[in-house]
Amino acid sequence: MQEHTAANPDRLMQSIQANYSLSAEVVCFSCILTLPEQSDIRVSFINNGSPVHKVFDLSHPTGSNLMKVISMHN
């Protein structure tokens, strides 16, 4: 598990692209002003001929700086 730093969402995005042949982009780092703050990664792929886009919300538990996925949405 990696820390929730500006560089690690980029590393996660690169790993997703390299290992799963999906399109991925870091939408923002610490831009969602919750406690603790959240970052977003968007993943896109084709499913049965239709594009699918999912956004993963990344954050860290209170008292820790370890990055984890806390939710996923369209």
PDB file of N, CA and C in Angstrom:
ATOM      1  N   MET A   1       0.836  -1.166   0.000  1.00  0.00           N
ATOM      2  CA  MET A   1       0.000   0.000   0.000  1.00  0.00           C
ATOM      3  C   MET A   1       0.890   1.242   0.000  1.00  0.00           C
ATOM      4  N   GLN A   2       0.570   2.216  -0.821  1.00  0.00           N
ATOM      5  CA  GLN A   2       1.364   3.434  -0.973  1.00  0.00           C
ATOM      6  C   GLN A   2       0.742   4.586  -0.187  1.00  0.00           C
ATOM      7  N   GLU A   3       1.548   5.582   0.125  1.00  0.00           N
ATOM      8  CA  GLU A   3       1.040   6.770   0.789  1.00  0.00           C
ATOM      9  C   GLU A   3       0.247   7.636  -0.186  1.00  0.00           C
ATOM     10  N   HIS A   4      -0.668   8.408   0.365  1.00  0.00           N
ATOM     11  CA  HIS A   4      -1.485   9.325  -0.427  1.00  0.00           C
ATOM     12  C   HIS A   4      -0.693  10.606  -0.650  1.00  0.00           C
ATOM     13  N   THR A   5       0.215  10.557  -1.616  1.00  0.00           N
ATOM     14  CA  THR A   5       1.036  11.711  -1.997  1.00  0.00           C
ATOM     15  C   THR A   5       0.733  12.052  -3.450  1.00  0.00           C
ATOM     16  N   ALA A   6       1.171  13.201  -3.896  1.00  0.00           N
ATOM     17  CA  ALA A   6       0.895  13.643  -5.270  1.00  0.00           C
ATOM     18  C   ALA A   6       1.438  12.672  -6.314  1.00  0.00           C
ATOM     19  N   ALA A   7       2.547  12.005  -6.040  1.00  0.00           N
ATOM     20  CA  ALA A   7       3.163  11.104  -7.020  1.00  0.00           C
ATOM     21  C   ALA A   7       2.454   9.755  -7.115  1.00  0.00           C
ATOM     22  N   ASN A   8       1.870   9.276  -6.030  1.00  0.00           N
ATOM     23  CA  ASN A   8       1.343   7.910  -6.035  1.00  0.00           C
ATOM     24  C   ASN A   8       0.062   7.703  -6.835  1.00  0.00           C
ATOM     25  N   PRO A   9      -0.867   8.649  -6.924  1.00  0.00           N
ATOM     26  CA  PRO A   9      -1.967   8.439  -7.878  1.00  0.00           C
ATOM     27  C   PRO A   9      -1.459   8.323  -9.320  1.00  0.00           C
ATOM     28  N   ASP A  10      -0.407   9.076  -9.661  1.00  0.00           N
ATOM     29  CA  ASP A  10       0.195   8.941 -10.994  1.00  0.00           C
ATOM     30  C   ASP A  10       0.782   7.550 -11.190  1.00  0.00           C
ATOM     31  N   ARG A  11       1.446   7.029 -10.187  1.00  0.00           N
ATOM     32  CA  ARG A  11       2.011   5.666 -10.282  1.00  0.00           C
ATOM     33  C   ARG A  11       0.901   4.630 -10.427  1.00  0.00           C
ATOM     34  N   LEU A  12      -0.183   4.812  -9.680  1.00  0.00           N
ATOM     35  CA  LEU A  12      -1.314   3.886  -9.786  1.00  0.00           C
ATOM     36  C   LEU A  12      -1.908   3.947 -11.186  1.00  0.00           C
ATOM     37  N   MET A  13      -2.092   5.146 -11.730  1.00  0.00           N
ATOM     38  CA  MET A  13      -2.616   5.309 -13.081  1.00  0.00           C
ATOM     39  C   MET A  13      -1.727   4.601 -14.101  1.00  0.00           C
ATOM     40  N   GLN A  14      -0.419   4.783 -14.001  1.00  0.00           N
ATOM     41  CA  GLN A  14       0.512   4.138 -14.925  1.00  0.00           C
ATOM     42  C   GLN A  14       0.451   2.617 -14.803  1.00  0.00           C
ATOM     43  N   SER A  15       0.310   2.121 -13.597  1.00  0.00           N
ATOM     44  CA  SER A  15       0.209   0.678 -13.379  1.00  0.00           C
ATOM     45  C   SER A  15      -1.073   0.109 -13.982  1.00  0.00           C
ATOM     46  N   ILE A  16      -2.172   0.822 -13.831  1.00  0.00           N
ATOM     47  CA  ILE A  16      -3.450   0.392 -14.415  1.00  0.00           C
ATOM     48  C   ILE A  16      -3.318   0.308 -15.927  1.00  0.00           C
ATOM     49  N   GLN A  17      -2.734   1.339 -16.530  1.00  0.00           N
ATOM     50  CA  GLN A  17      -2.584   1.348 -17.986  1.00  0.00           C
ATOM     51  C   GLN A  17      -1.668   0.232 -18.466  1.00  0.00           C
ATOM     52  N   ALA A  18      -0.578   0.000 -17.760  1.00  0.00           N
ATOM     53  CA  ALA A  18       0.403  -0.998 -18.193  1.00  0.00           C
ATOM     54  C   ALA A  18      -0.076  -2.424 -17.981  1.00  0.00           C
ATOM     55  N   ASN A  19      -0.773  -2.673 -16.888  1.00  0.00           N
ATOM     56  CA  ASN A  19      -1.137  -4.047 -16.532  1.00  0.00           C
ATOM     57  C   ASN A  19      -2.512  -4.476 -17.004  1.00  0.00           C
ATOM     58  N   TYR A  20      -3.386  -3.541 -17.316  1.00  0.00           N
ATOM     59  CA  TYR A  20      -4.755  -3.911 -17.661  1.00  0.00           C
ATOM     60  C   TYR A  20      -5.205  -3.371 -19.006  1.00  0.00           C
ATOM     61  N   SER A  21      -4.344  -2.684 -19.727  1.00  0.00           N
ATOM     62  CA  SER A  21      -4.673  -2.143 -21.050  1.00  0.00           C
ATOM     63  C   SER A  21      -5.935  -1.294 -21.012  1.00  0.00           C
ATOM     64  N   LEU A  22      -6.089  -0.493 -19.959  1.00  0.00           N
ATOM     65  CA  LEU A  22      -7.202   0.431 -19.832  1.00  0.00           C
ATOM     66  C   LEU A  22      -6.675   1.846 -19.966  1.00  0.00           C
ATOM     67  N   SER A  23      -7.539   2.744 -20.347  1.00  0.00           N
ATOM     68  CA  SER A  23      -7.188   4.153 -20.339  1.00  0.00           C
ATOM     69  C   SER A  23      -7.427   4.681 -18.925  1.00  0.00           C
ATOM     70  N   ALA A  24      -6.476   5.414 -18.380  1.00  0.00           N
ATOM     71  CA  ALA A  24      -6.617   5.964 -17.033  1.00  0.00           C
ATOM     72  C   ALA A  24      -6.009   7.350 -16.984  1.00  0.00           C
ATOM     73  N   GLU A  25      -6.571   8.209 -16.132  1.00  0.00           N
ATOM     74  CA  GLU A  25      -6.015   9.543 -15.938  1.00  0.00           C
ATOM     75  C   GLU A  25      -6.282   9.991 -14.513  1.00  0.00           C
ATOM     76  N   VAL A  26      -5.337  10.723 -13.965  1.00  0.00           N
ATOM     77  CA  VAL A  26      -5.540  11.337 -12.657  1.00  0.00           C
ATOM     78  C   VAL A  26      -6.345  12.600 -12.901  1.00  0.00           C
ATOM     79  N   VAL A  27      -7.531  12.659 -12.336  1.00  0.00           N
ATOM     80  CA  VAL A  27      -8.380  13.833 -12.500  1.00  0.00           C
ATOM     81  C   VAL A  27      -7.869  14.950 -11.597  1.00  0.00           C
ATOM     82  N   CYS A  28      -7.535  14.606 -10.361  1.00  0.00           N
ATOM     83  CA  CYS A  28      -7.027  15.617  -9.436  1.00  0.00           C
ATOM     84  C   CYS A  28      -6.418  14.943  -8.207  1.00  0.00           C
ATOM     85  N   PHE A  29      -5.549  15.687  -7.529  1.00  0.00           N
ATOM     86  CA  PHE A  29      -4.957  15.224  -6.276  1.00  0.00           C
ATOM     87  C   PHE A  29      -5.409  16.144  -5.152  1.00  0.00           C
ATOM     88  N   SER A  30      -5.989  15.557  -4.120  1.00  0.00           N
ATOM     89  CA  SER A  30      -6.459  16.290  -2.934  1.00  0.00           C
ATOM     90  C   SER A  30      -7.365  17.459  -3.289  1.00  0.00           C
ATOM     91  N   CYS A  31      -8.192  17.283  -4.306  1.00  0.00           N
ATOM     92  CA  CYS A  31      -9.053  18.377  -4.768  1.00  0.00           C
ATOM     93  C   CYS A  31     -10.448  18.323  -4.173  1.00  0.00           C
ATOM     94  N   ILE A  32     -10.831  17.200  -3.606  1.00  0.00           N
ATOM     95  CA  ILE A  32     -12.149  17.072  -2.990  1.00  0.00           C
ATOM     96  C   ILE A  32     -11.969  17.385  -1.510  1.00  0.00           C
ATOM     97  N   LEU A  33     -12.539  18.495  -1.101  1.00  0.00           N
ATOM     98  CA  LEU A  33     -12.259  19.037   0.222  1.00  0.00           C
ATOM     99  C   LEU A  33     -13.132  18.394   1.299  1.00  0.00           C
ATOM    100  N   THR A  34     -12.868  17.126   1.528  1.00  0.00           N
ATOM    101  CA  THR A  34     -13.498  16.388   2.612  1.00  0.00           C
ATOM    102  C   THR A  34     -12.436  16.187   3.689  1.00  0.00           C
ATOM    103  N   LEU A  35     -12.817  15.600   4.781  1.00  0.00           N
ATOM    104  CA  LEU A  35     -11.848  15.287   5.843  1.00  0.00           C
ATOM    105  C   LEU A  35     -11.740  13.787   5.984  1.00  0.00           C
ATOM    106  N   PRO A  36     -10.682  13.149   5.564  1.00  0.00           N
ATOM    107  CA  PRO A  36      -9.530  13.721   4.862  1.00  0.00           C
ATOM    108  C   PRO A  36      -9.851  13.988   3.389  1.00  0.00           C
ATOM    109  N   GLU A  37      -9.013  14.765   2.739  1.00  0.00           N
ATOM    110  CA  GLU A  37      -9.220  15.121   1.339  1.00  0.00           C
ATOM    111  C   GLU A  37      -9.138  13.883   0.442  1.00  0.00           C
ATOM    112  N   GLN A  38      -9.720  14.006  -0.762  1.00  0.00           N
ATOM    113  CA  GLN A  38      -9.756  12.885  -1.699  1.00  0.00           C
ATOM    114  C   GLN A  38      -9.135  13.290  -3.027  1.00  0.00           C
ATOM    115  N   SER A  39      -8.698  12.280  -3.758  1.00  0.00           N
ATOM    116  CA  SER A  39      -8.186  12.441  -5.115  1.00  0.00           C
ATOM    117  C   SER A  39      -9.011  11.546  -6.027  1.00  0.00           C
ATOM    118  N   ASP A  40      -8.990  11.819  -7.336  1.00  0.00           N
ATOM    119  CA  ASP A  40      -9.766  11.029  -8.296  1.00  0.00           C
ATOM    120  C   ASP A  40      -8.891  10.497  -9.418  1.00  0.00           C
ATOM    121  N   ILE A  41      -9.163   9.245  -9.805  1.00  0.00           N
ATOM    122  CA  ILE A  41      -8.596   8.638 -11.009  1.00  0.00           C
ATOM    123  C   ILE A  41      -9.768   8.155 -11.855  1.00  0.00           C
ATOM    124  N   ARG A  42      -9.774   8.510 -13.152  1.00  0.00           N
ATOM    125  CA  ARG A  42     -10.821   8.056 -14.073  1.00  0.00           C
ATOM    126  C   ARG A  42     -10.248   6.922 -14.922  1.00  0.00           C
ATOM    127  N   VAL A  43     -10.999   5.836 -15.007  1.00  0.00           N
ATOM    128  CA  VAL A  43     -10.624   4.679 -15.818  1.00  0.00           C
ATOM    129  C   VAL A  43     -11.691   4.510 -16.893  1.00  0.00           C
ATOM    130  N   SER A  44     -11.251   4.304 -18.132  1.00  0.00           N
ATOM    131  CA  SER A  44     -12.182   4.150 -19.251  1.00  0.00           C
ATOM    132  C   SER A  44     -11.854   2.875 -20.013  1.00  0.00           C
ATOM    133  N   PHE A  45     -12.914   2.232 -20.505  1.00  0.00           N
ATOM    134  CA  PHE A  45     -12.741   1.018 -21.297  1.00  0.00           C
ATOM    135  C   PHE A  45     -13.988   0.804 -22.141  1.00  0.00           C
ATOM    136  N   ILE A  46     -13.918  -0.145 -23.064  1.00  0.00           N
ATOM    137  CA  ILE A  46     -15.042  -0.483 -23.930  1.00  0.00           C
ATOM    138  C   ILE A  46     -15.636  -1.797 -23.441  1.00  0.00           C
ATOM    139  N   ASN A  47     -16.956  -1.824 -23.265  1.00  0.00           N
ATOM    140  CA  ASN A  47     -17.664  -3.030 -22.842  1.00  0.00           C
ATOM    141  C   ASN A  47     -18.800  -3.281 -23.831  1.00  0.00           C
ATOM    142  N   ASN A  48     -18.714  -4.382 -24.555  1.00  0.00           N
ATOM    143  CA  ASN A  48     -19.716  -4.715 -25.571  1.00  0.00           C
ATOM    144  C   ASN A  48     -19.944  -3.572 -26.552  1.00  0.00           C
ATOM    145  N   GLY A  49     -18.866  -2.914 -26.960  1.00  0.00           N
ATOM    146  CA  GLY A  49     -18.933  -1.850 -27.945  1.00  0.00           C
ATOM    147  C   GLY A  49     -19.299  -0.480 -27.396  1.00  0.00           C
ATOM    148  N   SER A  50     -19.578  -0.391 -26.123  1.00  0.00           N
ATOM    149  CA  SER A  50     -19.948   0.890 -25.523  1.00  0.00           C
ATOM    150  C   SER A  50     -18.862   1.373 -24.563  1.00  0.00           C
ATOM    151  N   PRO A  51     -18.558   2.681 -24.595  1.00  0.00           N
ATOM    152  CA  PRO A  51     -17.561   3.202 -23.657  1.00  0.00           C
ATOM    153  C   PRO A  51     -18.092   3.221 -22.230  1.00  0.00           C
ATOM    154  N   VAL A  52     -17.228   2.876 -21.292  1.00  0.00           N
ATOM    155  CA  VAL A  52     -17.558   2.900 -19.869  1.00  0.00           C
ATOM    156  C   VAL A  52     -16.501   3.749 -19.173  1.00  0.00           C
ATOM    157  N   HIS A  53     -16.949   4.641 -18.302  1.00  0.00           N
ATOM    158  CA  HIS A  53     -16.049   5.512 -17.550  1.00  0.00           C
ATOM    159  C   HIS A  53     -16.367   5.354 -16.069  1.00  0.00           C
ATOM    160  N   LYS A  54     -15.364   5.103 -15.276  1.00  0.00           N
ATOM    161  CA  LYS A  54     -15.511   4.972 -13.823  1.00  0.00           C
ATOM    162  C   LYS A  54     -14.497   5.885 -13.152  1.00  0.00           C
ATOM    163  N   VAL A  55     -14.904   6.497 -12.057  1.00  0.00           N
ATOM    164  CA  VAL A  55     -14.019   7.355 -11.278  1.00  0.00           C
ATOM    165  C   VAL A  55     -13.803   6.710  -9.918  1.00  0.00           C
ATOM    166  N   PHE A  56     -12.547   6.551  -9.561  1.00  0.00           N
ATOM    167  CA  PHE A  56     -12.184   5.998  -8.259  1.00  0.00           C
ATOM    168  C   PHE A  56     -11.777   7.137  -7.343  1.00  0.00           C
ATOM    169  N   ASP A  57     -12.410   7.211  -6.182  1.00  0.00           N
ATOM    170  CA  ASP A  57     -12.055   8.195  -5.165  1.00  0.00           C
ATOM    171  C   ASP A  57     -10.987   7.581  -4.266  1.00  0.00           C
ATOM    172  N   LEU A  58      -9.868   8.271  -4.139  1.00  0.00           N
ATOM    173  CA  LEU A  58      -8.754   7.823  -3.310  1.00  0.00           C
ATOM    174  C   LEU A  58      -8.624   8.750  -2.109  1.00  0.00           C
ATOM    175  N   SER A  59      -8.322   8.184  -0.970  1.00  0.00           N
ATOM    176  CA  SER A  59      -8.088   8.989   0.215  1.00  0.00           C
ATOM    177  C   SER A  59      -7.229   8.185   1.167  1.00  0.00           C
ATOM    178  N   HIS A  60      -7.226   8.575   2.410  1.00  0.00           N
ATOM    179  CA  HIS A  60      -6.481   7.856   3.440  1.00  0.00           C
ATOM    180  C   HIS A  60      -7.279   7.927   4.729  1.00  0.00           C
ATOM    181  N   PRO A  61      -7.204   6.873   5.539  1.00  0.00           N
ATOM    182  CA  PRO A  61      -7.934   6.885   6.807  1.00  0.00           C
ATOM    183  C   PRO A  61      -7.373   7.955   7.739  1.00  0.00           C
ATOM    184  N   THR A  62      -8.219   8.477   8.594  1.00  0.00           N
ATOM    185  CA  THR A  62      -7.768   9.436   9.592  1.00  0.00           C
ATOM    186  C   THR A  62      -6.682   8.790  10.447  1.00  0.00           C
ATOM    187  N   GLY A  63      -5.598   9.510  10.665  1.00  0.00           N
ATOM    188  CA  GLY A  63      -4.491   8.993  11.459  1.00  0.00           C
ATOM    189  C   GLY A  63      -3.468   8.210  10.661  1.00  0.00           C
ATOM    190  N   SER A  64      -3.692   8.074   9.354  1.00  0.00           N
ATOM    191  CA  SER A  64      -2.772   7.351   8.489  1.00  0.00           C
ATOM    192  C   SER A  64      -2.652   8.120   7.186  1.00  0.00           C
ATOM    193  N   ASN A  65      -1.589   7.895   6.455  1.00  0.00           N
ATOM    194  CA  ASN A  65      -1.463   8.519   5.143  1.00  0.00           C
ATOM    195  C   ASN A  65      -1.393   7.455   4.048  1.00  0.00           C
ATOM    196  N   LEU A  66      -1.857   6.238   4.337  1.00  0.00           N
ATOM    197  CA  LEU A  66      -1.846   5.177   3.343  1.00  0.00           C
ATOM    198  C   LEU A  66      -3.035   5.330   2.402  1.00  0.00           C
ATOM    199  N   MET A  67      -2.750   5.385   1.112  1.00  0.00           N
ATOM    200  CA  MET A  67      -3.768   5.595   0.095  1.00  0.00           C
ATOM    201  C   MET A  67      -4.644   4.362  -0.051  1.00  0.00           C
ATOM    202  N   LYS A  68      -5.960   4.601  -0.169  1.00  0.00           N
ATOM    203  CA  LYS A  68      -6.872   3.500  -0.452  1.00  0.00           C
ATOM    204  C   LYS A  68      -8.046   4.003  -1.269  1.00  0.00           C
ATOM    205  N   VAL A  69      -8.663   3.095  -2.013  1.00  0.00           N
ATOM    206  CA  VAL A  69      -9.867   3.433  -2.777  1.00  0.00           C
ATOM    207  C   VAL A  69     -11.031   3.421  -1.793  1.00  0.00           C
ATOM    208  N   ILE A  70     -11.767   4.542  -1.757  1.00  0.00           N
ATOM    209  CA  ILE A  70     -12.883   4.603  -0.819  1.00  0.00           C
ATOM    210  C   ILE A  70     -14.234   4.501  -1.508  1.00  0.00           C
ATOM    211  N   SER A  71     -14.278   4.779  -2.810  1.00  0.00           N
ATOM    212  CA  SER A  71     -15.528   4.592  -3.550  1.00  0.00           C
ATOM    213  C   SER A  71     -15.246   4.629  -5.044  1.00  0.00           C
ATOM    214  N   MET A  72     -16.277   4.235  -5.823  1.00  0.00           N
ATOM    215  CA  MET A  72     -16.211   4.256  -7.276  1.00  0.00           C
ATOM    216  C   MET A  72     -17.556   4.742  -7.783  1.00  0.00           C
ATOM    217  N   HIS A  73     -17.559   5.594  -8.807  1.00  0.00           N
ATOM    218  CA  HIS A  73     -18.794   6.094  -9.385  1.00  0.00           C
ATOM    219  C   HIS A  73     -18.576   6.417 -10.847  1.00  0.00           C
ATOM    220  N   ASN A  74     -19.642   6.753 -11.546  1.00  0.00           N
ATOM    221  CA  ASN A  74     -19.571   7.093 -12.979  1.00  0.00           C
ATOM    222  C   ASN A  74     -19.080   8.504 -13.163  1.00  0.00           C
TER     223      ASN A  74
END
